[in-house]
């Protein structure tokens, strides 16, 4: 019975990753909601997709789907590289945009590291020794 309990208990590292990603998504949601042109009906569709798809992946990560964890890690790495590269373009970024980008990036980096730690690896692979 304790084997099943160990296997189904999310380790702290996964919980930290999920909370970190939810906080990061809250920044995205608020930023998008403020900047959206709500008079355009397509704004609702794009907002739903931009927010809904990452939240769906977050749900899969929370449920222990290893493929979702790897999709997040790949998308995070590619997004971070492309975001860093875009800062070489003419400086049209406001201070608040840069601060939010840094907070968002740090939260996602924390999540990525947490998802790669041994307790997370063991849990996603279904090992019973995950704590």
Protein backbone atom coordinates (compact mmCIF):
# COMPACT_ATOMS: atom_id res chain seq x y z
CA UNK A 1 0.00 0.00 0.00
CA UNK A 2 2.85 2.41 0.74
CA UNK A 3 4.29 1.73 -2.73
CA UNK A 4 1.15 3.15 -4.34
CA UNK A 5 1.20 6.11 -1.97
CA UNK A 6 4.84 6.92 -2.78
CA UNK A 7 4.23 6.64 -6.51
CA UNK A 8 1.22 8.96 -6.49
CA UNK A 9 2.59 11.58 -4.09
CA UNK A 10 3.94 14.57 -5.98
CA UNK A 11 7.40 15.52 -4.79
CA UNK A 12 8.03 19.03 -3.52
CA UNK A 13 10.06 19.77 -6.65
CA UNK A 14 7.04 19.17 -8.89
CA UNK A 15 4.81 21.27 -6.64
CA UNK A 16 7.38 24.11 -6.70
CA UNK A 17 7.53 23.87 -10.49
CA UNK A 18 3.75 23.99 -10.86
CA UNK A 19 3.39 26.95 -8.47
CA UNK A 20 6.22 28.75 -10.23
CA UNK A 21 4.62 28.16 -13.64
CA UNK A 22 1.19 29.26 -12.38
CA UNK A 23 2.72 32.49 -11.07
CA UNK A 24 4.48 32.98 -14.38
CA UNK A 25 1.22 32.40 -16.23
CA UNK A 26 -0.53 34.95 -14.00
CA UNK A 27 1.95 37.57 -15.24
CA UNK A 28 1.21 36.58 -18.83
CA UNK A 29 -2.55 36.64 -18.30
CA UNK A 30 -2.52 40.10 -16.70
CA UNK A 31 -0.17 41.50 -19.34
CA UNK A 32 -2.25 40.10 -22.19
CA UNK A 33 -5.51 41.21 -20.64
CA UNK A 34 -4.25 44.78 -20.27
CA UNK A 35 -2.82 44.97 -23.79
CA UNK A 36 -5.57 43.14 -25.66
CA UNK A 37 -7.85 45.02 -28.04
CA UNK A 38 -11.07 43.58 -26.68
CA UNK A 39 -13.15 45.36 -29.33
CA UNK A 40 -11.81 42.82 -31.84
CA UNK A 41 -13.64 39.46 -31.54
CA UNK A 42 -10.45 37.59 -32.48
CA UNK A 43 -8.84 38.91 -29.31
CA UNK A 44 -10.98 36.51 -27.30
CA UNK A 45 -9.95 33.55 -29.43
CA UNK A 46 -6.26 34.38 -29.36
CA UNK A 47 -6.35 35.12 -25.63
CA UNK A 48 -8.01 31.76 -24.97
CA UNK A 49 -5.42 29.90 -27.05
CA UNK A 50 -2.41 31.78 -25.69
CA UNK A 51 -3.55 31.15 -22.12
CA UNK A 52 -5.33 27.83 -22.53
CA UNK A 53 -2.64 25.77 -24.26
CA UNK A 54 0.09 26.45 -21.65
CA UNK A 55 -2.39 25.83 -18.84
CA UNK A 56 -3.30 22.52 -20.46
CA UNK A 57 0.37 21.52 -20.55
CA UNK A 58 0.71 22.63 -16.94
CA UNK A 59 -2.21 20.35 -16.05
CA UNK A 60 -0.49 17.44 -17.82
CA UNK A 61 2.74 18.16 -15.92
CA UNK A 62 0.76 18.23 -12.67
CA UNK A 63 -0.74 14.84 -13.60
CA UNK A 64 2.74 13.38 -14.11
CA UNK A 65 2.88 13.20 -17.91
CA UNK A 66 6.58 12.99 -18.70
CA UNK A 67 6.10 14.07 -22.33
CA UNK A 68 4.50 17.34 -21.15
CA UNK A 69 7.49 18.01 -18.92
CA UNK A 70 9.85 17.58 -21.88
CA UNK A 71 7.69 19.72 -24.16
CA UNK A 72 7.79 22.48 -21.55
CA UNK A 73 11.57 22.20 -21.18
CA UNK A 74 12.16 22.39 -24.94
CA UNK A 75 9.72 25.28 -25.43
CA UNK A 76 11.24 27.09 -22.43
CA UNK A 77 14.78 26.74 -23.78
CA UNK A 78 13.81 27.88 -27.28
CA UNK A 79 11.72 30.75 -25.92
CA UNK A 80 14.48 31.93 -23.63
CA UNK A 81 17.02 31.90 -26.44
CA UNK A 82 14.75 33.79 -28.82
CA UNK A 83 13.75 36.29 -26.11
CA UNK A 84 17.35 37.01 -25.23
CA UNK A 85 18.17 37.44 -28.90
CA UNK A 86 15.33 39.96 -29.32
CA UNK A 87 16.89 42.31 -26.77
CA UNK A 88 19.59 43.12 -29.32
CA UNK A 89 16.95 44.84 -31.42
CA UNK A 90 16.34 48.58 -31.01
CA UNK A 91 15.36 49.35 -27.43
CA UNK A 92 11.60 49.70 -27.51
CA UNK A 93 11.14 47.94 -24.20
CA UNK A 94 9.86 49.85 -21.19
CA UNK A 95 11.30 49.31 -17.74
CA UNK A 96 8.18 47.49 -16.58
CA UNK A 97 8.37 45.19 -19.62
CA UNK A 98 11.96 44.30 -18.78
CA UNK A 99 11.13 43.72 -15.11
CA UNK A 100 8.18 41.48 -15.98
CA UNK A 101 10.32 39.60 -18.50
CA UNK A 102 12.98 38.99 -15.85
CA UNK A 103 10.44 37.82 -13.24
CA UNK A 104 8.71 35.62 -15.81
CA UNK A 105 12.04 34.12 -16.94
CA UNK A 106 13.27 33.47 -13.40
CA UNK A 107 10.00 31.76 -12.47
CA UNK A 108 10.21 29.54 -15.53
CA UNK A 109 13.89 28.80 -14.87
CA UNK A 110 13.02 27.75 -11.31
CA UNK A 111 10.32 25.47 -12.72
CA UNK A 112 12.67 24.00 -15.33
CA UNK A 113 15.34 23.25 -12.73
CA UNK A 114 12.77 21.78 -10.32
CA UNK A 115 11.44 19.51 -13.07
CA UNK A 116 14.95 18.22 -13.78
CA UNK A 117 15.88 17.38 -10.18
CA UNK A 118 16.08 13.74 -9.11
CA UNK A 119 12.78 13.57 -7.15
CA UNK A 120 10.94 14.93 -10.19
CA UNK A 121 12.74 12.56 -12.55
CA UNK A 122 11.92 9.58 -10.36
CA UNK A 123 8.27 10.62 -10.01
CA UNK A 124 7.77 11.24 -13.72
CA UNK A 125 9.36 7.89 -14.52
CA UNK A 126 7.11 6.19 -11.97
CA UNK A 127 9.78 5.03 -9.54
CA UNK A 128 8.65 4.36 -6.00
CA UNK A 129 11.66 6.01 -4.38
CA UNK A 130 10.57 9.53 -5.30
CA UNK A 131 10.14 11.72 -2.24
